[in-house]
Amino acid sequence: MAAAYHGLEARQYPQATSGVNVMQRLGASLGTALLAVILQRGISGASARDASGGESDPTHLLSAFNDAFLWTIAFALIALVPALMLPGRAKAASKSQATREPQTAIKRN
């Protein structure tokens, strides 16, 4: 999440926050709708096979859910590729920050 604000000035944060929020909501909605369609097509195919064969077999329904979950894993792996390319923190900066003494806000006389 912090990578979305990388390189921005403080005055640009509100616009970036709105943009990130919109992208998260659209991505979640579209992803859910796509997986629902994949699952529904699998269930429809299982129902059509059951109607023509006469006997209901729960393994067709299980196969529809299995396919939907496999698509979910595939989407997650696809999203992992750009996530691995996100900029990280510099090691030197984090070491120098860790060795600094904490500053207190209250000065005592």
N, C-alpha and C. Protein backbone atom coordinates (compact mmCIF):
# COMPACT_ATOMS: atom_id res chain seq x y z
N MET A 1 0.82 -1.19 0.00
CA MET A 1 0.00 0.00 0.00
C MET A 1 0.87 1.25 0.00
N ALA A 2 1.98 1.20 0.72
CA ALA A 2 2.84 2.38 0.78
C ALA A 2 3.47 2.67 -0.57
N ALA A 3 3.61 1.67 -1.42
CA ALA A 3 4.21 1.89 -2.74
C ALA A 3 3.33 2.80 -3.60
N ALA A 4 2.05 2.86 -3.32
CA ALA A 4 1.16 3.74 -4.09
C ALA A 4 1.47 5.21 -3.83
N TYR A 5 2.08 5.49 -2.70
CA TYR A 5 2.40 6.87 -2.33
C TYR A 5 3.88 7.19 -2.54
N HIS A 6 4.63 6.24 -3.03
CA HIS A 6 6.07 6.41 -3.22
C HIS A 6 6.35 7.52 -4.22
N GLY A 7 7.14 8.49 -3.83
CA GLY A 7 7.52 9.56 -4.73
C GLY A 7 6.52 10.70 -4.83
N LEU A 8 5.47 10.66 -4.04
CA LEU A 8 4.48 11.74 -4.09
C LEU A 8 4.79 12.80 -3.06
N GLU A 9 4.37 14.00 -3.36
CA GLU A 9 4.46 15.09 -2.39
C GLU A 9 3.25 15.01 -1.47
N ALA A 10 3.36 15.64 -0.33
CA ALA A 10 2.28 15.58 0.67
C ALA A 10 0.96 16.12 0.13
N ARG A 11 1.02 17.11 -0.75
CA ARG A 11 -0.22 17.68 -1.29
C ARG A 11 -0.92 16.73 -2.27
N GLN A 12 -0.22 15.71 -2.74
CA GLN A 12 -0.80 14.76 -3.69
C GLN A 12 -1.43 13.54 -3.00
N TYR A 13 -1.25 13.39 -1.71
CA TYR A 13 -1.78 12.23 -0.99
C TYR A 13 -3.30 12.07 -1.08
N PRO A 14 -4.07 13.15 -0.94
CA PRO A 14 -5.53 12.96 -1.02
C PRO A 14 -5.99 12.38 -2.37
N GLN A 15 -5.42 12.85 -3.46
CA GLN A 15 -5.78 12.31 -4.78
C GLN A 15 -5.34 10.86 -4.92
N ALA A 16 -4.16 10.55 -4.41
CA ALA A 16 -3.65 9.17 -4.49
C ALA A 16 -4.53 8.24 -3.66
N THR A 17 -4.96 8.71 -2.51
CA THR A 17 -5.83 7.90 -1.66
C THR A 17 -7.14 7.60 -2.37
N SER A 18 -7.71 8.60 -3.01
CA SER A 18 -8.96 8.38 -3.76
C SER A 18 -8.74 7.40 -4.91
N GLY A 19 -7.65 7.54 -5.62
CA GLY A 19 -7.35 6.65 -6.73
C GLY A 19 -7.15 5.21 -6.29
N VAL A 20 -6.42 5.01 -5.20
CA VAL A 20 -6.19 3.67 -4.68
C VAL A 20 -7.52 3.06 -4.22
N ASN A 21 -8.34 3.85 -3.56
CA ASN A 21 -9.64 3.36 -3.08
C ASN A 21 -10.53 2.92 -4.24
N VAL A 22 -10.58 3.72 -5.30
CA VAL A 22 -11.39 3.38 -6.47
C VAL A 22 -10.88 2.09 -7.11
N MET A 23 -9.56 1.97 -7.27
CA MET A 23 -8.99 0.77 -7.90
C MET A 23 -9.26 -0.48 -7.06
N GLN A 24 -9.16 -0.37 -5.74
CA GLN A 24 -9.44 -1.52 -4.88
C GLN A 24 -10.90 -1.95 -5.00
N ARG A 25 -11.80 -0.99 -5.00
CA ARG A 25 -13.22 -1.33 -5.09
C ARG A 25 -13.58 -1.92 -6.46
N LEU A 26 -13.05 -1.33 -7.53
CA LEU A 26 -13.32 -1.87 -8.86
C LEU A 26 -12.71 -3.26 -9.04
N GLY A 27 -11.49 -3.42 -8.60
CA GLY A 27 -10.82 -4.71 -8.74
C GLY A 27 -11.54 -5.80 -7.96
N ALA A 28 -11.96 -5.50 -6.75
CA ALA A 28 -12.67 -6.50 -5.95
C ALA A 28 -14.02 -6.85 -6.57
N SER A 29 -14.73 -5.85 -7.05
CA SER A 29 -16.04 -6.09 -7.66
C SER A 29 -15.93 -6.90 -8.95
N LEU A 30 -15.00 -6.50 -9.81
CA LEU A 30 -14.83 -7.22 -11.07
C LEU A 30 -14.31 -8.64 -10.85
N GLY A 31 -13.40 -8.80 -9.91
CA GLY A 31 -12.88 -10.14 -9.60
C GLY A 31 -13.96 -11.05 -9.05
N THR A 32 -14.78 -10.54 -8.17
CA THR A 32 -15.87 -11.33 -7.61
C THR A 32 -16.89 -11.70 -8.69
N ALA A 33 -17.21 -10.74 -9.55
CA ALA A 33 -18.17 -11.01 -10.63
C ALA A 33 -17.61 -12.06 -11.60
N LEU A 34 -16.34 -11.95 -11.93
CA LEU A 34 -15.73 -12.91 -12.84
C LEU A 34 -15.72 -14.32 -12.25
N LEU A 35 -15.37 -14.43 -10.99
CA LEU A 35 -15.37 -15.76 -10.35
C LEU A 35 -16.79 -16.31 -10.20
N ALA A 36 -17.76 -15.43 -9.98
CA ALA A 36 -19.15 -15.88 -9.90
C ALA A 36 -19.62 -16.43 -11.25
N VAL A 37 -19.19 -15.79 -12.33
CA VAL A 37 -19.55 -16.28 -13.67
C VAL A 37 -18.89 -17.63 -13.95
N ILE A 38 -17.63 -17.76 -13.57
CA ILE A 38 -16.92 -19.04 -13.76
C ILE A 38 -17.63 -20.15 -12.99
N LEU A 39 -18.00 -19.87 -11.75
CA LEU A 39 -18.69 -20.87 -10.94
C LEU A 39 -20.06 -21.19 -11.50
N GLN A 40 -20.80 -20.18 -11.92
CA GLN A 40 -22.14 -20.40 -12.46
C GLN A 40 -22.10 -21.23 -13.74
N ARG A 41 -21.11 -20.96 -14.59
CA ARG A 41 -20.99 -21.75 -15.83
C ARG A 41 -20.69 -23.21 -15.50
N GLY A 42 -19.86 -23.44 -14.48
CA GLY A 42 -19.57 -24.81 -14.07
C GLY A 42 -20.79 -25.50 -13.50
N ILE A 43 -21.56 -24.77 -12.71
CA ILE A 43 -22.79 -25.34 -12.13
C ILE A 43 -23.81 -25.60 -13.23
N SER A 44 -23.93 -24.68 -14.19
CA SER A 44 -24.87 -24.87 -15.30
C SER A 44 -24.50 -26.10 -16.11
N GLY A 45 -23.23 -26.27 -16.36
CA GLY A 45 -22.78 -27.44 -17.09
C GLY A 45 -23.07 -28.72 -16.34
N ALA A 46 -22.90 -28.69 -15.02
CA ALA A 46 -23.20 -29.88 -14.20
C ALA A 46 -24.70 -30.16 -14.20
N SER A 47 -25.52 -29.10 -14.16
CA SER A 47 -26.98 -29.28 -14.16
C SER A 47 -27.45 -29.85 -15.49
N ALA A 48 -26.85 -29.39 -16.59
CA ALA A 48 -27.24 -29.89 -17.91
C ALA A 48 -26.87 -31.36 -18.05
N ARG A 49 -25.70 -31.73 -17.52
CA ARG A 49 -25.30 -33.14 -17.59
C ARG A 49 -26.21 -34.01 -16.74
N ASP A 50 -26.61 -33.48 -15.56
CA ASP A 50 -27.51 -34.25 -14.68
C ASP A 50 -28.88 -34.40 -15.31
N ALA A 51 -29.37 -33.35 -15.99
CA ALA A 51 -30.70 -33.40 -16.61
C ALA A 51 -30.73 -34.41 -17.76
N SER A 52 -29.66 -34.48 -18.51
CA SER A 52 -29.65 -35.41 -19.64
C SER A 52 -29.42 -36.85 -19.18
N GLY A 53 -28.67 -37.03 -18.11
CA GLY A 53 -28.36 -38.38 -17.63
C GLY A 53 -29.41 -38.94 -16.70
N GLY A 54 -30.22 -38.08 -16.12
CA GLY A 54 -31.27 -38.55 -15.24
C GLY A 54 -30.86 -38.66 -13.79
N GLU A 55 -29.63 -39.02 -13.51
CA GLU A 55 -29.20 -39.22 -12.13
C GLU A 55 -28.26 -38.09 -11.72
N SER A 56 -28.49 -37.56 -10.53
CA SER A 56 -27.69 -36.45 -10.04
C SER A 56 -26.38 -36.96 -9.45
N ASP A 57 -25.27 -36.32 -9.83
CA ASP A 57 -23.95 -36.72 -9.34
C ASP A 57 -23.28 -35.50 -8.72
N PRO A 58 -23.02 -35.52 -7.41
CA PRO A 58 -22.42 -34.35 -6.76
C PRO A 58 -20.99 -34.07 -7.18
N THR A 59 -20.34 -35.01 -7.85
CA THR A 59 -18.96 -34.74 -8.28
C THR A 59 -18.89 -33.66 -9.35
N HIS A 60 -19.96 -33.50 -10.14
CA HIS A 60 -19.98 -32.42 -11.14
C HIS A 60 -20.02 -31.06 -10.45
N LEU A 61 -20.79 -30.96 -9.38
CA LEU A 61 -20.84 -29.72 -8.62
C LEU A 61 -19.50 -29.45 -7.94
N LEU A 62 -18.91 -30.49 -7.43
CA LEU A 62 -17.58 -30.36 -6.81
C LEU A 62 -16.56 -29.89 -7.84
N SER A 63 -16.66 -30.38 -9.05
CA SER A 63 -15.77 -29.97 -10.12
C SER A 63 -15.94 -28.49 -10.46
N ALA A 64 -17.17 -27.99 -10.42
CA ALA A 64 -17.42 -26.56 -10.69
C ALA A 64 -16.74 -25.69 -9.63
N PHE A 65 -16.86 -26.06 -8.36
CA PHE A 65 -16.21 -25.29 -7.30
C PHE A 65 -14.69 -25.42 -7.40
N ASN A 66 -14.21 -26.60 -7.75
CA ASN A 66 -12.78 -26.81 -7.91
C ASN A 66 -12.22 -25.90 -8.99
N ASP A 67 -12.92 -25.80 -10.11
CA ASP A 67 -12.48 -24.92 -11.19
C ASP A 67 -12.44 -23.46 -10.75
N ALA A 68 -13.45 -23.04 -10.02
CA ALA A 68 -13.50 -21.64 -9.54
C ALA A 68 -12.33 -21.35 -8.61
N PHE A 69 -12.02 -22.29 -7.73
CA PHE A 69 -10.89 -22.07 -6.81
C PHE A 69 -9.56 -22.11 -7.54
N LEU A 70 -9.44 -22.93 -8.58
CA LEU A 70 -8.22 -22.95 -9.37
C LEU A 70 -8.02 -21.62 -10.10
N TRP A 71 -9.10 -21.04 -10.59
CA TRP A 71 -9.01 -19.71 -11.21
C TRP A 71 -8.58 -18.66 -10.18
N THR A 72 -9.07 -18.80 -8.95
CA THR A 72 -8.69 -17.87 -7.89
C THR A 72 -7.18 -17.94 -7.64
N ILE A 73 -6.66 -19.15 -7.59
CA ILE A 73 -5.21 -19.32 -7.40
C ILE A 73 -4.44 -18.72 -8.58
N ALA A 74 -4.93 -18.94 -9.78
CA ALA A 74 -4.27 -18.39 -10.97
C ALA A 74 -4.24 -16.87 -10.92
N PHE A 75 -5.35 -16.25 -10.53
CA PHE A 75 -5.40 -14.79 -10.43
C PHE A 75 -4.43 -14.29 -9.37
N ALA A 76 -4.33 -15.00 -8.26
CA ALA A 76 -3.41 -14.60 -7.20
C ALA A 76 -1.96 -14.70 -7.67
N LEU A 77 -1.64 -15.73 -8.42
CA LEU A 77 -0.27 -15.86 -8.93
C LEU A 77 0.05 -14.78 -9.95
N ILE A 78 -0.93 -14.41 -10.75
CA ILE A 78 -0.73 -13.32 -11.71
C ILE A 78 -0.49 -12.00 -10.97
N ALA A 79 -1.22 -11.78 -9.89
CA ALA A 79 -1.05 -10.55 -9.11
C ALA A 79 0.27 -10.54 -8.34
N LEU A 80 0.83 -11.71 -8.10
CA LEU A 80 2.10 -11.79 -7.38
C LEU A 80 3.25 -11.22 -8.20
N VAL A 81 3.18 -11.35 -9.51
CA VAL A 81 4.27 -10.87 -10.39
C VAL A 81 4.50 -9.37 -10.21
N PRO A 82 3.49 -8.50 -10.38
CA PRO A 82 3.77 -7.08 -10.16
C PRO A 82 4.05 -6.74 -8.69
N ALA A 83 3.51 -7.53 -7.78
CA ALA A 83 3.77 -7.27 -6.36
C ALA A 83 5.24 -7.47 -6.03
N LEU A 84 5.87 -8.42 -6.68
CA LEU A 84 7.29 -8.64 -6.44
C LEU A 84 8.16 -7.54 -7.03
N MET A 85 7.62 -6.77 -7.95
CA MET A 85 8.37 -5.68 -8.57
C MET A 85 8.21 -4.34 -7.84
N LEU A 86 7.43 -4.31 -6.77
CA LEU A 86 7.24 -3.07 -6.03
C LEU A 86 8.56 -2.63 -5.39
N PRO A 87 8.78 -1.33 -5.32
CA PRO A 87 10.03 -0.85 -4.71
C PRO A 87 10.05 -1.16 -3.22
N GLY A 88 11.20 -1.52 -2.74
CA GLY A 88 11.37 -1.83 -1.32
C GLY A 88 12.12 -0.71 -0.63
N ARG A 89 12.29 -0.86 0.66
CA ARG A 89 13.05 0.12 1.42
C ARG A 89 14.54 -0.13 1.20
N ALA A 90 15.29 0.92 1.22
CA ALA A 90 16.74 0.78 1.13
C ALA A 90 17.27 0.23 2.44
N LYS A 91 18.18 -0.72 2.36
CA LYS A 91 18.70 -1.34 3.57
C LYS A 91 19.51 -0.36 4.40
N ALA A 92 20.26 0.50 3.75
CA ALA A 92 21.08 1.47 4.47
C ALA A 92 20.21 2.45 5.25
N ALA A 93 19.09 2.86 4.66
CA ALA A 93 18.21 3.81 5.34
C ALA A 93 17.57 3.16 6.56
N SER A 94 17.18 1.91 6.46
CA SER A 94 16.54 1.26 7.59
C SER A 94 17.53 0.99 8.71
N LYS A 95 18.80 0.70 8.37
CA LYS A 95 19.81 0.48 9.41
C LYS A 95 20.12 1.77 10.14
N SER A 96 20.23 2.88 9.41
CA SER A 96 20.53 4.15 10.07
C SER A 96 19.36 4.60 10.93
N GLN A 97 18.16 4.27 10.54
CA GLN A 97 16.99 4.62 11.33
C GLN A 97 16.93 3.79 12.60
N ALA A 98 17.33 2.54 12.52
CA ALA A 98 17.28 1.66 13.67
C ALA A 98 18.31 2.03 14.71
N THR A 99 19.45 2.60 14.28
CA THR A 99 20.51 2.95 15.22
C THR A 99 20.33 4.32 15.84
N ARG A 100 19.43 5.13 15.27
CA ARG A 100 19.17 6.46 15.84
C ARG A 100 18.49 6.34 17.18
N GLU A 101 18.79 7.28 18.05
CA GLU A 101 18.12 7.32 19.34
C GLU A 101 16.73 7.90 19.16
N PRO A 102 15.75 7.36 19.88
CA PRO A 102 14.40 7.92 19.76
C PRO A 102 14.34 9.33 20.33
N GLN A 103 13.62 10.19 19.66
CA GLN A 103 13.49 11.56 20.10
C GLN A 103 12.21 11.68 20.92
N THR A 104 12.29 12.39 22.02
CA THR A 104 11.12 12.60 22.84
C THR A 104 10.51 13.95 22.54
N ALA A 105 9.19 14.02 22.59
CA ALA A 105 8.48 15.26 22.28
C ALA A 105 8.50 16.23 23.46
N ILE A 106 8.67 15.71 24.65
CA ILE A 106 8.62 16.54 25.86
C ILE A 106 10.04 16.74 26.37
N LYS A 107 10.43 18.00 26.52
CA LYS A 107 11.75 18.29 27.07
C LYS A 107 11.60 18.58 28.55
N ARG A 108 12.44 17.96 29.29
CA ARG A 108 12.39 18.18 30.74
C ARG A 108 13.51 19.13 31.14
N ASN A 109 13.22 20.03 32.07
CA ASN A 109 14.21 20.99 32.54
C ASN A 109 14.95 20.47 33.73
